Amino acid sequence: MKQWHENREAMPLDFAGWQVQEPNPGFRRSGKLVLLSLHFRLTEQTAYMRISTGFFALTAVTAALYGAAIAAADDAAPPQGAPAAAAAAAPAAQPTAVVVTVNGVAITRAELDRATQAFLAQNRMPAPTDPDQKKKMEEAAQEQMVTEEVLYQAAKKEEVPDLDKQVAAKFDEVKAQFPDPEDLAKALKKNGITEQELKDLLQRDVVIGAYIAKQSAAEPAVTTEQAKAFYDENLDKFKKPESVRASHILIKFAPKATDEEKQAARKKADELLAKLKGGADFAEVAKQESADTSAKQGGDLGEFGRGQMVKPFEDAAFGLKPGDLSEVVESQFGYHIIKSTGKTEAQTVPFAEVQAKIVQYLTETQGQKRMAAKIAELKKAATIVPAGQEK
């Protein structure tokens, strides 16, 4: 049943009705293929964001293994619409066939297939049947692998402290996805790699991650002056609308309640209101009589803005002065008695309250730009040769 408060948990107030918008960290988790880029490509933007969460990216093989673990836990029912029979009948390309080389390092068909399968496993999507969709997905996966390769070739020239320990920790994370060690062995076999090859791939991720972290932090930190300039140029983003804090007591009636049932509920609400006006403690009455989950907190609903409550409740709550009691308010959920416990007028949040978040946002944005430039530089300097274009 719909809640009287219009899903308040899904609409939390932030510091000013504005939240730092981080760059898109990955792909949209939906049942549809995102045709242009699939949000799967490790682009210049996503490369930085992987590090901003303390993590570069699992390799295609590792992601596929995670997918295998999930499938094992769910008894691996084939995705609806998955063309299993058609896929089995299609002629398979040679796994060792080279699809592209990066500075002489070959990326094979098997590696590309694993990258594509990883995307499907992570998003629980069926394999595409449309040739154009399949081609776009493979192009996106190939672009990711090229980006990772140029990064790795640059990254492996630099030393990574405690590399072995970091790789061991990542391998433990992979093992933890498999309750039975035999399941891991089966997943490795299915993906055509050995345990040592998996560790090598995990090491690659650690090395690339360390490189991106170093490159992203190469420039001076964001200054207070820069943060203040951003604040002044975006004041509209820091306006906090009017809000109130209130408690309430709910006397419910069923959606299809009879007139007699509604009258009984109204009578009880009127009696409770008279009791409160006579000096009874609101919190104690709420704990004993309210049918809402907030009863445990004495009816306290916390702070909320307009648009977060059903209209009759909102109008009554915003019309009260702090400390005032409402009359009995009817909504589709029952009868409410509301007590205002605070009110905050619309305001612009002071710079001091949002400075840290602005610095975080600018730091991530600048790091993203630096990483974008570095990847573009590495790709420009690299010799990238797709299959069939060799001289």
Protein backbone atom coordinates (compact mmCIF):
# COMPACT_ATOMS: atom_id res chain seq x y z
CA MET A 1 0.00 0.00 0.00
CA LYS A 2 1.23 3.48 -0.83
CA GLN A 3 2.59 5.26 2.22
CA TRP A 4 1.00 8.48 3.43
CA HIS A 5 4.32 10.25 3.17
CA GLU A 6 4.95 9.68 -0.56
CA ASN A 7 8.09 7.55 -0.06
CA ARG A 8 10.04 9.98 2.08
CA GLU A 9 13.05 7.65 2.22
CA ALA A 10 13.53 8.07 -1.52
CA MET A 11 13.56 11.86 -1.23
CA PRO A 12 16.10 12.80 1.45
CA LEU A 13 16.87 16.45 1.93
CA ASP A 14 20.47 17.27 1.12
CA PHE A 15 22.33 20.31 2.33
CA ALA A 16 20.72 22.65 -0.19
CA GLY A 17 18.57 20.58 -2.46
CA TRP A 18 21.75 20.18 -4.50
CA GLN A 19 24.15 17.30 -4.68
CA VAL A 20 27.52 17.06 -6.37
CA GLN A 21 26.94 15.17 -9.58
CA GLU A 22 29.76 12.74 -10.14
CA PRO A 23 30.69 11.72 -13.67
CA ASN A 24 28.95 8.59 -14.87
CA PRO A 25 30.89 5.74 -13.19
CA GLY A 26 29.88 2.94 -15.46
CA PHE A 27 27.03 1.47 -17.39
CA ARG A 28 23.30 1.80 -16.87
CA ARG A 29 21.95 -1.32 -15.19
CA SER A 30 18.87 -2.03 -17.26
CA GLY A 31 17.53 -4.69 -19.57
CA LYS A 32 18.12 -2.56 -22.66
CA LEU A 33 21.26 -2.32 -24.69
CA VAL A 34 22.67 1.16 -24.76
CA LEU A 35 23.44 1.21 -28.43
CA LEU A 36 25.85 4.04 -28.93
CA SER A 37 28.43 3.33 -26.25
CA LEU A 38 26.64 0.93 -23.85
CA HIS A 39 28.36 2.85 -21.08
CA PHE A 40 30.72 -0.10 -21.13
CA ARG A 41 33.69 1.54 -22.77
CA LEU A 42 36.42 2.48 -20.33
CA THR A 43 36.39 6.08 -21.50
CA GLU A 44 38.61 8.88 -20.35
CA GLN A 45 35.88 9.85 -17.86
CA THR A 46 35.19 6.44 -16.39
CA ALA A 47 38.90 5.73 -16.00
CA TYR A 48 39.18 8.45 -13.39
CA MET A 49 35.94 7.56 -11.68
CA ARG A 50 37.09 3.98 -11.14
CA ILE A 51 39.90 5.38 -9.05
CA SER A 52 37.75 7.92 -7.22
CA THR A 53 36.06 4.95 -5.58
CA GLY A 54 39.42 3.40 -4.72
CA PHE A 55 39.14 0.81 -7.44
CA PHE A 56 40.16 0.72 -11.13
CA ALA A 57 38.16 -2.03 -12.78
CA LEU A 58 37.97 -5.78 -12.67
CA THR A 59 39.32 -7.28 -15.83
CA ALA A 60 36.87 -8.80 -18.25
CA VAL A 61 37.78 -12.27 -17.02
CA THR A 62 37.31 -11.38 -13.36
CA ALA A 63 33.96 -9.77 -14.10
CA ALA A 64 32.92 -12.88 -15.95
CA LEU A 65 33.90 -14.95 -12.95
CA TYR A 66 31.74 -12.79 -10.72
CA GLY A 67 28.94 -13.37 -13.17
CA ALA A 68 29.53 -17.09 -12.92
CA ALA A 69 29.35 -16.87 -9.13
CA ILE A 70 26.04 -15.05 -9.29
CA ALA A 71 24.72 -17.54 -11.78
CA ALA A 72 25.71 -20.43 -9.52
CA ALA A 73 23.93 -18.82 -6.59
CA ASP A 74 20.77 -18.32 -8.65
CA ASP A 75 20.92 -21.79 -10.22
CA ALA A 76 21.84 -20.06 -13.46
CA ALA A 77 18.53 -19.90 -15.29
CA PRO A 78 19.17 -18.62 -18.84
CA PRO A 79 18.12 -14.98 -19.31
CA GLN A 80 14.70 -14.59 -20.85
CA GLY A 81 15.00 -14.34 -24.59
CA ALA A 82 18.59 -15.56 -24.65
CA PRO A 83 19.21 -17.22 -28.04
CA ALA A 84 20.99 -20.26 -26.64
CA ALA A 85 20.22 -22.57 -29.53
CA ALA A 86 21.10 -19.97 -32.13
CA ALA A 87 24.38 -19.18 -30.40
CA ALA A 88 25.30 -22.83 -30.29
CA ALA A 89 24.64 -23.21 -33.97
CA ALA A 90 26.68 -20.15 -35.00
CA PRO A 91 30.21 -20.86 -36.20
CA ALA A 92 32.73 -19.82 -33.58
CA ALA A 93 35.64 -17.53 -34.47
CA GLN A 94 39.14 -18.81 -33.71
CA PRO A 95 39.89 -17.88 -30.06
CA THR A 96 43.50 -17.03 -30.91
CA ALA A 97 42.58 -14.76 -33.82
CA VAL A 98 43.94 -11.24 -33.29
CA VAL A 99 41.32 -8.48 -33.35
CA VAL A 100 43.66 -5.55 -32.69
CA THR A 101 47.26 -4.88 -31.69
CA VAL A 102 48.46 -2.10 -29.41
CA ASN A 103 52.14 -1.29 -29.83
CA GLY A 104 52.60 -4.84 -31.04
CA VAL A 105 50.66 -6.46 -28.20
CA ALA A 106 47.81 -8.58 -29.54
CA ILE A 107 44.27 -8.64 -28.18
CA THR A 108 42.61 -11.87 -29.24
CA ARG A 109 39.10 -12.86 -30.11
CA ALA A 110 38.90 -14.92 -26.90
CA GLU A 111 39.80 -11.87 -24.80
CA LEU A 112 37.27 -9.71 -26.63
CA ASP A 113 34.56 -12.33 -26.18
CA ARG A 114 35.27 -12.48 -22.45
CA ALA A 115 35.00 -8.69 -22.20
CA THR A 116 31.65 -8.75 -23.98
CA GLN A 117 30.37 -11.63 -21.86
CA ALA A 118 31.44 -9.79 -18.72
CA PHE A 119 29.16 -6.90 -19.59
CA LEU A 120 26.25 -9.27 -20.11
CA ALA A 121 26.95 -11.15 -16.87
CA GLN A 122 27.25 -8.00 -14.76
CA ASN A 123 23.98 -6.62 -16.13
CA ARG A 124 22.17 -9.98 -16.43
CA MET A 125 21.34 -9.22 -20.02
CA PRO A 126 20.71 -11.68 -22.83
CA ALA A 127 23.19 -11.78 -25.68
CA PRO A 128 22.11 -9.44 -28.49
CA THR A 129 20.55 -11.06 -31.51
CA ASP A 130 20.57 -7.99 -33.71
CA PRO A 131 23.85 -7.86 -35.71
CA ASP A 132 24.16 -4.08 -35.33
CA GLN A 133 23.73 -4.27 -31.57
CA LYS A 134 26.29 -7.05 -31.33
CA LYS A 135 28.75 -5.09 -33.43
CA LYS A 136 28.37 -1.96 -31.30
CA MET A 137 28.82 -3.97 -28.11
CA GLU A 138 32.00 -5.58 -29.41
CA GLU A 139 33.33 -2.22 -30.58
CA ALA A 140 32.73 -0.78 -27.11
CA ALA A 141 34.43 -3.77 -25.46
CA GLN A 142 37.38 -3.53 -27.86
CA GLU A 143 37.78 0.18 -27.15
CA GLN A 144 37.88 -0.56 -23.43
CA MET A 145 40.55 -3.19 -23.91
CA VAL A 146 42.67 -0.85 -26.04
CA THR A 147 42.41 1.84 -23.37
CA GLU A 148 43.41 -0.62 -20.65
CA GLU A 149 46.35 -1.83 -22.73
CA VAL A 150 47.83 1.63 -23.34
CA LEU A 151 47.40 2.39 -19.64
CA TYR A 152 49.06 -0.86 -18.63
CA GLN A 153 52.01 -0.33 -20.94
CA ALA A 154 52.61 3.06 -19.35
CA ALA A 155 51.85 1.88 -15.82
CA LYS A 156 54.13 -1.15 -15.72
CA LYS A 157 57.15 1.13 -16.04
CA GLU A 158 56.50 2.42 -12.53
CA GLU A 159 56.93 0.62 -9.22
CA VAL A 160 53.85 -0.24 -7.14
CA PRO A 161 54.42 -0.64 -3.38
CA ASP A 162 53.14 -3.90 -1.84
CA LEU A 163 52.05 -5.15 -5.25
CA ASP A 164 51.98 -8.82 -4.24
CA LYS A 165 49.88 -8.09 -1.14
CA GLN A 166 47.37 -6.07 -3.15
CA VAL A 167 47.05 -8.81 -5.75
CA ALA A 168 46.58 -11.43 -3.04
CA ALA A 169 43.82 -9.32 -1.47
CA LYS A 170 42.01 -9.00 -4.80
CA PHE A 171 42.32 -12.74 -5.39
CA ASP A 172 40.79 -13.36 -1.96
CA GLU A 173 37.86 -11.12 -2.99
CA VAL A 174 37.32 -13.29 -6.05
CA LYS A 175 37.50 -16.52 -4.03
CA ALA A 176 35.00 -15.12 -1.54
CA GLN A 177 32.39 -15.07 -4.31
CA PHE A 178 32.52 -18.85 -4.51
CA PRO A 179 31.33 -20.78 -1.43
CA ASP A 180 32.82 -23.96 -2.89
CA PRO A 181 36.40 -23.90 -4.29
CA GLU A 182 35.25 -26.28 -7.02
CA ASP A 183 32.92 -23.56 -8.31
CA LEU A 184 35.89 -21.25 -8.81
CA ALA A 185 37.78 -23.98 -10.64
CA LYS A 186 34.78 -24.56 -12.90
CA ALA A 187 34.44 -20.84 -13.60
CA LEU A 188 38.12 -20.58 -14.48
CA LYS A 189 37.84 -23.54 -16.80
CA LYS A 190 34.75 -22.11 -18.43
CA ASN A 191 36.62 -18.89 -19.14
CA GLY A 192 39.64 -20.74 -20.45
CA ILE A 193 42.22 -19.48 -17.96
CA THR A 194 44.24 -20.84 -15.09
CA GLU A 195 44.40 -19.59 -11.54
CA GLN A 196 47.82 -18.07 -12.21
CA GLU A 197 46.54 -16.29 -15.31
CA LEU A 198 43.74 -14.82 -13.21
CA LYS A 199 46.29 -13.55 -10.69
CA ASP A 200 48.28 -12.02 -13.54
CA LEU A 201 45.17 -10.19 -14.70
CA LEU A 202 44.46 -8.98 -11.18
CA GLN A 203 48.03 -7.71 -10.96
CA ARG A 204 47.42 -5.80 -14.17
CA ASP A 205 44.43 -4.09 -12.59
CA VAL A 206 46.41 -3.10 -9.51
CA VAL A 207 49.21 -1.66 -11.62
CA ILE A 208 46.83 0.34 -13.80
CA GLY A 209 44.92 1.55 -10.75
CA ALA A 210 48.08 2.83 -9.07
CA TYR A 211 49.08 4.63 -12.25
CA ILE A 212 45.72 6.37 -12.62
CA ALA A 213 45.71 7.39 -8.96
CA LYS A 214 49.14 8.95 -9.37
CA GLN A 215 48.29 10.72 -12.62
CA SER A 216 44.99 12.03 -11.30
CA ALA A 217 46.64 13.56 -8.23
CA ALA A 218 49.48 15.18 -10.15
CA GLU A 219 48.28 18.79 -9.95
CA PRO A 220 47.96 21.12 -6.90
CA ALA A 221 44.96 20.73 -4.63
CA VAL A 222 41.82 22.80 -5.13
CA THR A 223 42.14 26.08 -3.23
CA THR A 224 39.57 27.84 -1.09
CA GLU A 225 39.53 30.63 -3.66
CA GLN A 226 38.61 28.21 -6.44
CA ALA A 227 35.87 26.65 -4.33
CA LYS A 228 34.46 30.09 -3.44
CA ALA A 229 34.49 31.12 -7.10
CA PHE A 230 32.49 28.01 -7.99
CA TYR A 231 30.05 28.78 -5.18
CA ASP A 232 29.56 32.38 -6.30
CA GLU A 233 29.02 31.35 -9.92
CA ASN A 234 26.45 28.70 -8.97
CA LEU A 235 24.45 30.26 -6.15
CA ASP A 236 21.21 28.93 -7.58
CA LYS A 237 22.46 25.39 -6.86
CA PHE A 238 22.84 26.16 -3.15
CA LYS A 239 19.36 27.45 -2.44
CA LYS A 240 17.54 25.42 0.20
CA PRO A 241 13.74 25.63 0.03
CA GLU A 242 11.46 26.13 3.00
CA SER A 243 11.20 23.08 5.26
CA VAL A 244 9.49 22.02 8.46
CA ARG A 245 10.00 19.44 11.17
CA ALA A 246 6.93 17.75 12.57
CA SER A 247 5.54 14.82 14.51
CA HIS A 248 2.20 13.18 13.93
CA ILE A 249 -0.28 10.62 15.19
CA LEU A 250 -2.06 8.51 12.57
CA ILE A 251 -5.41 6.84 13.09
CA LYS A 252 -5.78 4.59 10.06
CA PHE A 253 -8.81 3.50 8.17
CA ALA A 254 -8.90 1.02 5.31
CA PRO A 255 -9.09 2.28 1.70
CA LYS A 256 -12.55 0.72 1.40
CA ALA A 257 -13.68 1.55 4.91
CA THR A 258 -17.38 1.92 5.52
CA ASP A 259 -18.84 5.20 6.75
CA GLU A 260 -19.23 3.66 10.20
CA GLU A 261 -15.56 2.63 10.28
CA LYS A 262 -14.43 6.08 9.22
CA GLN A 263 -16.67 7.68 11.82
CA ALA A 264 -15.14 5.45 14.51
CA ALA A 265 -11.63 6.41 13.44
CA ARG A 266 -12.57 10.10 13.41
CA LYS A 267 -14.08 9.84 16.87
CA LYS A 268 -10.85 8.34 18.19
CA ALA A 269 -8.79 11.06 16.52
CA ASP A 270 -11.01 13.76 18.05
CA GLU A 271 -10.65 12.20 21.49
CA LEU A 272 -6.86 12.08 21.17
CA LEU A 273 -6.73 15.71 20.03
CA ALA A 274 -8.79 16.77 23.06
CA LYS A 275 -6.41 14.79 25.26
CA LEU A 276 -3.40 16.55 23.74
CA LYS A 277 -5.00 19.97 24.11
CA GLY A 278 -5.57 19.07 27.73
CA GLY A 279 -1.83 18.75 28.26
CA ALA A 280 -1.00 15.12 27.44
CA ASP A 281 2.51 14.48 26.18
CA PHE A 282 2.44 14.22 22.37
CA ALA A 283 5.30 11.72 22.10
CA GLU A 284 3.78 9.38 24.66
CA VAL A 285 0.36 9.47 23.00
CA ALA A 286 1.96 8.83 19.61
CA LYS A 287 3.86 5.82 20.95
CA GLN A 288 0.66 4.33 22.36
CA GLU A 289 -1.90 5.25 19.71
CA SER A 290 -0.31 6.07 16.34
CA ALA A 291 -0.59 3.44 13.58
CA ASP A 292 2.45 4.85 11.71
CA THR A 293 5.97 3.42 11.97
CA SER A 294 7.09 6.78 13.38
CA ALA A 295 5.25 5.91 16.60
CA LYS A 296 8.45 4.37 17.97
CA GLN A 297 10.06 7.81 17.73
CA GLY A 298 7.13 9.52 19.39
CA GLY A 299 5.70 10.39 16.00
CA ASP A 300 8.79 12.35 14.92
CA LEU A 301 9.09 12.57 11.13
CA GLY A 302 12.23 14.65 10.96
CA GLU A 303 12.63 17.55 8.54
CA PHE A 304 10.93 17.58 5.15
CA GLY A 305 10.22 19.96 2.30
CA ARG A 306 7.27 20.58 0.06
CA GLY A 307 6.36 17.78 -2.30
CA GLN A 308 7.43 15.03 0.07
CA MET A 309 4.11 14.50 1.83
CA VAL A 310 0.58 14.01 0.55
CA LYS A 311 -1.09 17.36 -0.07
CA PRO A 312 -3.52 17.58 2.88
CA PHE A 313 -0.73 16.68 5.29
CA GLU A 314 1.72 19.12 3.68
CA ASP A 315 -0.72 22.03 3.74
CA ALA A 316 -1.47 21.50 7.40
CA ALA A 317 2.16 21.02 8.47
CA PHE A 318 3.45 24.09 6.63
CA GLY A 319 0.58 26.17 8.01
CA LEU A 320 1.60 25.60 11.64
CA LYS A 321 3.95 27.62 13.80
CA PRO A 322 6.57 25.70 15.81
CA GLY A 323 4.89 24.18 18.86
CA ASP A 324 1.37 24.36 17.40
CA LEU A 325 -1.05 21.42 17.07
CA SER A 326 -3.19 20.95 13.99
CA GLU A 327 -6.83 20.04 13.96
CA VAL A 328 -7.62 16.53 12.72
CA VAL A 329 -6.38 16.24 9.12
CA GLU A 330 -7.84 13.65 6.76
CA SER A 331 -5.82 11.97 4.00
CA GLN A 332 -6.34 8.78 2.03
CA PHE A 333 -4.43 6.95 4.76
CA GLY A 334 -6.46 8.02 7.75
CA TYR A 335 -6.71 10.86 10.24
CA HIS A 336 -3.62 12.77 11.36
CA ILE A 337 -2.86 15.01 14.30
CA ILE A 338 0.25 17.03 13.50
CA LYS A 339 2.58 18.92 15.81
CA SER A 340 5.09 21.36 14.35
CA THR A 341 8.49 21.11 16.03
CA GLY A 342 10.46 23.47 13.81
CA LYS A 343 10.50 25.52 10.64
CA THR A 344 13.31 26.72 8.39
CA GLU A 345 12.70 29.49 5.89
CA ALA A 346 14.06 29.28 2.35
CA GLN A 347 17.72 30.25 2.32
CA THR A 348 21.01 30.06 0.48
CA VAL A 349 23.30 27.66 2.30
CA PRO A 350 26.45 29.44 3.54
CA PHE A 351 29.70 28.68 1.74
CA ALA A 352 31.28 27.27 4.89
CA GLU A 353 28.69 24.49 5.06
CA VAL A 354 29.30 23.27 1.51
CA GLN A 355 32.96 24.08 1.02
CA ALA A 356 34.15 20.50 1.59
CA LYS A 357 31.70 19.08 -0.95
CA ILE A 358 32.65 21.70 -3.52
CA VAL A 359 36.34 20.91 -3.05
CA GLN A 360 35.58 17.19 -3.48
CA TYR A 361 33.60 17.83 -6.65
CA LEU A 362 36.25 20.10 -8.19
CA THR A 363 39.01 17.69 -7.24
CA GLU A 364 37.23 14.80 -8.97
CA THR A 365 36.37 16.90 -12.00
CA GLN A 366 39.93 18.13 -12.43
CA GLY A 367 41.30 14.64 -11.94
CA GLN A 368 38.91 13.37 -14.57
CA LYS A 369 40.10 15.99 -17.05
CA ARG A 370 43.74 15.22 -16.33
CA MET A 371 43.13 11.53 -16.88
CA ALA A 372 41.22 12.22 -20.08
CA ALA A 373 44.17 14.17 -21.43
CA LYS A 374 46.66 11.50 -20.37
CA ILE A 375 44.70 8.67 -22.03
CA ALA A 376 44.29 10.72 -25.20
CA GLU A 377 48.04 11.35 -25.18
CA LEU A 378 48.84 7.66 -24.71
CA LYS A 379 46.47 6.62 -27.47
CA LYS A 380 47.84 9.23 -29.86
CA ALA A 381 51.39 8.00 -29.28
CA ALA A 382 50.42 4.32 -29.56
CA THR A 383 50.35 2.22 -32.70
CA ILE A 384 46.87 0.72 -32.71
CA VAL A 385 46.19 -1.63 -35.60
CA PRO A 386 42.79 -3.36 -36.00
CA ALA A 387 42.76 -6.79 -37.65
CA GLY A 388 42.89 -6.55 -41.43
CA GLN A 389 44.65 -3.19 -41.47
CA GLU A 390 48.19 -4.44 -41.07
CA LYS A 391 50.71 -3.09 -43.55
